[in-house]
Amino acid sequence: MVLLASHDEDGAFGWVINGRPMMTVRELLTRADITAPGIEVPRHILGEVRVGGPVSQEQVWLVYPSHEQVDGVDGQFEVAPGVMATASRTFLEKLAEGYSVPSLLAIAGYAGWGPGQLEGEIQAGGWLPGPSLAELIFDTPREDAWQKAYASLGTTPIAFTTRTIGSA
């Protein structure tokens, strides 16, 4: 399931929000030299960093509800109603200093499409566009996200499979 962050005549980019976990946010803070190894990371920092796509997996994006926006951090932008994002190191530093963002989703890498590419993939049936729902992004367990995304459109994955028995 992909959350589109940008889609215009120049192309599109977004993040796989139900990607596999690759490390914890606490590990990220240590690997990014924001907290030193052996230093106690604040207990409120929970969560995992998920694979967000095949492009630039060394870059981490932080996605969170609008009401959890962090003061004093440049580069925060609204992705969809109720959904904010940033790639700001300052955001991570504020987490290490004790700022609490309970619904934080950390994503390494992104998915990208060139001009017209995503439209062609949608037309070919490769993607089923739907609304960017904050509750689907932040309140749904990763393993249930795909099913709930279909349900938000009033359908199920089985509706897109053939029941015709063919011959090979």
C-alpha atoms as a PDB file:
ATOM      1  CA  MET A   1       0.000   0.000   0.000  1.00  0.00           C
ATOM      2  CA  VAL A   2       1.528   3.324  -1.085  1.00  0.00           C
ATOM      3  CA  LEU A   3       0.863   6.758   0.386  1.00  0.00           C
ATOM      4  CA  LEU A   4       1.459   9.278  -2.417  1.00  0.00           C
ATOM      5  CA  ALA A   5       3.316  12.376  -1.247  1.00  0.00           C
ATOM      6  CA  SER A   6       3.474  14.125  -4.607  1.00  0.00           C
ATOM      7  CA  HIS A   7       1.835  13.546  -7.995  1.00  0.00           C
ATOM      8  CA  ASP A   8       2.021  16.062 -10.836  1.00  0.00           C
ATOM      9  CA  GLU A   9       3.184  16.424 -14.461  1.00  0.00           C
ATOM     10  CA  ASP A  10       6.795  15.773 -13.371  1.00  0.00           C
ATOM     11  CA  GLY A  11       5.984  12.354 -11.887  1.00  0.00           C
ATOM     12  CA  ALA A  12       5.050  10.948  -8.506  1.00  0.00           C
ATOM     13  CA  PHE A  13       6.600   9.707  -5.302  1.00  0.00           C
ATOM     14  CA  GLY A  14       5.309   8.076  -2.175  1.00  0.00           C
ATOM     15  CA  TRP A  15       6.010   5.534   0.523  1.00  0.00           C
ATOM     16  CA  VAL A  16       5.034   1.925   1.068  1.00  0.00           C
ATOM     17  CA  ILE A  17       3.415   2.271   4.475  1.00  0.00           C
ATOM     18  CA  ASN A  18       2.999  -1.416   5.176  1.00  0.00           C
ATOM     19  CA  GLY A  19       6.583  -2.344   4.262  1.00  0.00           C
ATOM     20  CA  ARG A  20       8.627  -4.807   6.271  1.00  0.00           C
ATOM     21  CA  PRO A  21      10.349  -3.565   9.429  1.00  0.00           C
ATOM     22  CA  MET A  22      14.115  -3.039   9.134  1.00  0.00           C
ATOM     23  CA  MET A  23      15.111  -1.526  12.516  1.00  0.00           C
ATOM     24  CA  THR A  24      13.628   0.279  15.494  1.00  0.00           C
ATOM     25  CA  VAL A  25      13.419   4.061  15.741  1.00  0.00           C
ATOM     26  CA  ARG A  26      15.785   3.793  18.729  1.00  0.00           C
ATOM     27  CA  GLU A  27      18.334   2.026  16.486  1.00  0.00           C
ATOM     28  CA  LEU A  28      17.856   4.736  13.856  1.00  0.00           C
ATOM     29  CA  LEU A  29      18.743   7.449  16.390  1.00  0.00           C
ATOM     30  CA  THR A  30      21.954   5.614  17.258  1.00  0.00           C
ATOM     31  CA  ARG A  31      22.888   4.860  13.622  1.00  0.00           C
ATOM     32  CA  ALA A  32      22.287   8.510  12.675  1.00  0.00           C
ATOM     33  CA  ASP A  33      24.653   9.613  15.493  1.00  0.00           C
ATOM     34  CA  ILE A  34      21.824  11.463  17.196  1.00  0.00           C
ATOM     35  CA  THR A  35      22.274   9.385  20.346  1.00  0.00           C
ATOM     36  CA  ALA A  36      25.568   7.775  21.232  1.00  0.00           C
ATOM     37  CA  PRO A  37      25.813   3.998  21.664  1.00  0.00           C
ATOM     38  CA  GLY A  38      25.220   3.081  25.293  1.00  0.00           C
ATOM     39  CA  ILE A  39      23.295   6.289  25.999  1.00  0.00           C
ATOM     40  CA  GLU A  40      19.753   5.685  27.227  1.00  0.00           C
ATOM     41  CA  VAL A  41      17.270   6.576  24.511  1.00  0.00           C
ATOM     42  CA  PRO A  42      14.064   8.053  25.950  1.00  0.00           C
ATOM     43  CA  ARG A  43      11.538   5.315  26.722  1.00  0.00           C
ATOM     44  CA  HIS A  44       8.734   7.092  24.865  1.00  0.00           C
ATOM     45  CA  ILE A  45      10.476   6.420  21.545  1.00  0.00           C
ATOM     46  CA  LEU A  46       8.769   3.369  20.180  1.00  0.00           C
ATOM     47  CA  GLY A  47       8.122   2.032  16.742  1.00  0.00           C
ATOM     48  CA  GLU A  48      10.006   0.677  13.825  1.00  0.00           C
ATOM     49  CA  VAL A  49      11.518   1.935  10.619  1.00  0.00           C
ATOM     50  CA  ARG A  50       9.856   0.248   7.646  1.00  0.00           C
ATOM     51  CA  VAL A  51      11.054  -0.181   4.082  1.00  0.00           C
ATOM     52  CA  GLY A  52       9.226   2.540   2.153  1.00  0.00           C
ATOM     53  CA  GLY A  53      10.379   1.728  -1.357  1.00  0.00           C
ATOM     54  CA  PRO A  54      13.382   0.799  -3.463  1.00  0.00           C
ATOM     55  CA  VAL A  55      14.757   4.331  -4.009  1.00  0.00           C
ATOM     56  CA  SER A  56      17.219   6.018  -1.582  1.00  0.00           C
ATOM     57  CA  GLN A  57      16.752   3.599   1.302  1.00  0.00           C
ATOM     58  CA  GLU A  58      19.398   5.519   3.245  1.00  0.00           C
ATOM     59  CA  GLN A  59      16.962   8.438   3.528  1.00  0.00           C
ATOM     60  CA  VAL A  60      14.369   8.209   6.292  1.00  0.00           C
ATOM     61  CA  TRP A  61      11.008   9.915   6.036  1.00  0.00           C
ATOM     62  CA  LEU A  62       8.878  10.547   9.096  1.00  0.00           C
ATOM     63  CA  VAL A  63       5.096  10.427   8.680  1.00  0.00           C
ATOM     64  CA  TYR A  64       2.770  11.431  11.513  1.00  0.00           C
ATOM     65  CA  PRO A  65      -0.689  12.883  12.205  1.00  0.00           C
ATOM     66  CA  SER A  66      -1.068  16.649  11.755  1.00  0.00           C
ATOM     67  CA  HIS A  67      -1.972  17.100  15.415  1.00  0.00           C
ATOM     68  CA  GLU A  68       1.467  15.694  16.359  1.00  0.00           C
ATOM     69  CA  GLN A  69       3.374  18.273  14.291  1.00  0.00           C
ATOM     70  CA  VAL A  70       6.667  19.284  15.943  1.00  0.00           C
ATOM     71  CA  ASP A  71       7.330  22.972  16.608  1.00  0.00           C
ATOM     72  CA  GLY A  72      10.601  24.401  15.314  1.00  0.00           C
ATOM     73  CA  VAL A  73      11.139  21.848  12.543  1.00  0.00           C
ATOM     74  CA  ASP A  74      11.511  23.127   8.982  1.00  0.00           C
ATOM     75  CA  GLY A  75      10.477  20.973   6.048  1.00  0.00           C
ATOM     76  CA  GLN A  76       7.247  19.543   7.454  1.00  0.00           C
ATOM     77  CA  PHE A  77       4.542  19.286   4.815  1.00  0.00           C
ATOM     78  CA  GLU A  78       0.979  18.023   4.598  1.00  0.00           C
ATOM     79  CA  VAL A  79       0.696  14.873   2.500  1.00  0.00           C
ATOM     80  CA  ALA A  80      -3.065  14.426   2.896  1.00  0.00           C
ATOM     81  CA  PRO A  81      -5.707  15.733   5.288  1.00  0.00           C
ATOM     82  CA  GLY A  82      -4.467  14.900   8.772  1.00  0.00           C
ATOM     83  CA  VAL A  83      -1.136  13.467   7.538  1.00  0.00           C
ATOM     84  CA  MET A  84       2.233  15.259   7.783  1.00  0.00           C
ATOM     85  CA  ALA A  85       5.724  14.228   6.667  1.00  0.00           C
ATOM     86  CA  THR A  86       9.326  15.389   6.888  1.00  0.00           C
ATOM     87  CA  ALA A  87      12.841  14.115   6.284  1.00  0.00           C
ATOM     88  CA  SER A  88      14.272  16.571   8.821  1.00  0.00           C
ATOM     89  CA  ARG A  89      17.132  15.517  11.070  1.00  0.00           C
ATOM     90  CA  THR A  90      15.921  18.188  13.513  1.00  0.00           C
ATOM     91  CA  PHE A  91      12.738  16.161  13.965  1.00  0.00           C
ATOM     92  CA  LEU A  92      14.808  13.125  15.035  1.00  0.00           C
ATOM     93  CA  GLU A  93      16.893  15.300  17.356  1.00  0.00           C
ATOM     94  CA  LYS A  94      13.720  16.570  19.017  1.00  0.00           C
ATOM     95  CA  LEU A  95      12.593  12.971  19.545  1.00  0.00           C
ATOM     96  CA  ALA A  96      15.898  12.189  21.248  1.00  0.00           C
ATOM     97  CA  GLU A  97      15.444  15.277  23.444  1.00  0.00           C
ATOM     98  CA  GLY A  98      12.117  13.940  24.690  1.00  0.00           C
ATOM     99  CA  TYR A  99       9.486  15.230  22.254  1.00  0.00           C
ATOM    100  CA  SER A 100       6.713  12.625  22.008  1.00  0.00           C
ATOM    101  CA  VAL A 101       5.153  11.673  18.660  1.00  0.00           C
ATOM    102  CA  PRO A 102       3.093   8.579  19.546  1.00  0.00           C
ATOM    103  CA  SER A 103       1.833   7.794  16.039  1.00  0.00           C
ATOM    104  CA  LEU A 104       5.164   8.247  14.237  1.00  0.00           C
ATOM    105  CA  LEU A 105       5.763   6.099  11.183  1.00  0.00           C
ATOM    106  CA  ALA A 106       9.407   6.056  10.077  1.00  0.00           C
ATOM    107  CA  ILE A 107      10.022   4.956   6.490  1.00  0.00           C
ATOM    108  CA  ALA A 108      13.346   4.273   4.757  1.00  0.00           C
ATOM    109  CA  GLY A 109      13.335   4.954   1.029  1.00  0.00           C
ATOM    110  CA  TYR A 110      10.503   5.739  -1.318  1.00  0.00           C
ATOM    111  CA  ALA A 111       8.785   4.653  -4.519  1.00  0.00           C
ATOM    112  CA  GLY A 112       9.020   6.965  -7.525  1.00  0.00           C
ATOM    113  CA  TRP A 113       7.516   7.238 -10.980  1.00  0.00           C
ATOM    114  CA  GLY A 114       8.501   9.352 -13.972  1.00  0.00           C
ATOM    115  CA  PRO A 115       6.099  11.615 -15.900  1.00  0.00           C
ATOM    116  CA  GLY A 116       3.002   9.631 -16.903  1.00  0.00           C
ATOM    117  CA  GLN A 117       4.391   6.346 -15.552  1.00  0.00           C
ATOM    118  CA  LEU A 118       2.037   6.002 -12.583  1.00  0.00           C
ATOM    119  CA  GLU A 119      -0.974   6.918 -14.730  1.00  0.00           C
ATOM    120  CA  GLY A 120      -0.003   4.151 -17.170  1.00  0.00           C
ATOM    121  CA  GLU A 121       0.371   1.621 -14.350  1.00  0.00           C
ATOM    122  CA  ILE A 122      -3.041   2.589 -12.941  1.00  0.00           C
ATOM    123  CA  GLN A 123      -4.629   2.280 -16.396  1.00  0.00           C
ATOM    124  CA  ALA A 124      -3.048  -1.164 -16.789  1.00  0.00           C
ATOM    125  CA  GLY A 125      -4.585  -2.263 -13.477  1.00  0.00           C
ATOM    126  CA  GLY A 126      -1.351  -2.259 -11.493  1.00  0.00           C
ATOM    127  CA  TRP A 127      -2.707   0.083  -8.820  1.00  0.00           C
ATOM    128  CA  LEU A 128      -6.102   0.775  -7.291  1.00  0.00           C
ATOM    129  CA  PRO A 129      -6.200   4.428  -6.200  1.00  0.00           C
ATOM    130  CA  GLY A 130      -7.994   5.284  -2.993  1.00  0.00           C
ATOM    131  CA  PRO A 131      -8.186   8.044  -0.428  1.00  0.00           C
ATOM    132  CA  SER A 132      -5.306   8.747   1.969  1.00  0.00           C
ATOM    133  CA  LEU A 133      -7.019   8.055   5.275  1.00  0.00           C
ATOM    134  CA  ALA A 134      -5.129   9.026   8.448  1.00  0.00           C
ATOM    135  CA  GLU A 135      -6.827   6.263  10.451  1.00  0.00           C
ATOM    136  CA  LEU A 136      -5.739   3.671   7.890  1.00  0.00           C
ATOM    137  CA  ILE A 137      -2.151   4.929   8.042  1.00  0.00           C
ATOM    138  CA  PHE A 138      -1.784   5.350  11.810  1.00  0.00           C
ATOM    139  CA  ASP A 139      -4.401   3.157  13.486  1.00  0.00           C
ATOM    140  CA  THR A 140      -4.221  -0.021  11.400  1.00  0.00           C
ATOM    141  CA  PRO A 141      -1.679  -2.779  12.099  1.00  0.00           C
ATOM    142  CA  ARG A 142       0.767  -3.205   9.212  1.00  0.00           C
ATOM    143  CA  GLU A 143      -0.444  -6.714   8.430  1.00  0.00           C
ATOM    144  CA  ASP A 144      -4.093  -5.555   8.160  1.00  0.00           C
ATOM    145  CA  ALA A 145      -3.503  -2.397   6.075  1.00  0.00           C
ATOM    146  CA  TRP A 146      -3.985  -3.968   2.655  1.00  0.00           C
ATOM    147  CA  GLN A 147      -7.351  -5.551   3.547  1.00  0.00           C
ATOM    148  CA  LYS A 148      -8.588  -2.370   5.254  1.00  0.00           C
ATOM    149  CA  ALA A 149      -7.571  -0.257   2.246  1.00  0.00           C
ATOM    150  CA  TYR A 150      -9.770  -2.405   0.015  1.00  0.00           C
ATOM    151  CA  ALA A 151     -12.586  -2.224   2.576  1.00  0.00           C
ATOM    152  CA  SER A 152     -12.346   1.597   2.574  1.00  0.00           C
ATOM    153  CA  LEU A 153     -13.246   1.413  -1.135  1.00  0.00           C
ATOM    154  CA  GLY A 154     -16.149  -0.955  -0.469  1.00  0.00           C
ATOM    155  CA  THR A 155     -14.480  -3.982  -2.004  1.00  0.00           C
ATOM    156  CA  THR A 156     -12.125  -6.885  -1.285  1.00  0.00           C
ATOM    157  CA  PRO A 157      -9.003  -8.239  -3.012  1.00  0.00           C
ATOM    158  CA  ILE A 158     -10.991 -11.261  -4.213  1.00  0.00           C
ATOM    159  CA  ALA A 159     -13.083  -8.935  -6.409  1.00  0.00           C
ATOM    160  CA  PHE A 160      -9.992  -8.422  -8.563  1.00  0.00           C
ATOM    161  CA  THR A 161      -9.248 -12.075  -9.187  1.00  0.00           C
ATOM    162  CA  THR A 162     -10.740 -14.270 -11.844  1.00  0.00           C
ATOM    163  CA  ARG A 163     -12.948 -17.181 -10.946  1.00  0.00           C
ATOM    164  CA  THR A 164     -12.691 -18.611 -14.441  1.00  0.00           C
ATOM    165  CA  ILE A 165     -10.872 -21.904 -14.589  1.00  0.00           C
ATOM    166  CA  GLY A 166      -8.607 -21.871 -17.588  1.00  0.00           C
ATOM    167  CA  SER A 167      -6.516 -24.402 -19.390  1.00  0.00           C
ATOM    168  CA  ALA A 168      -2.814 -24.190 -19.848  1.00  0.00           C
END
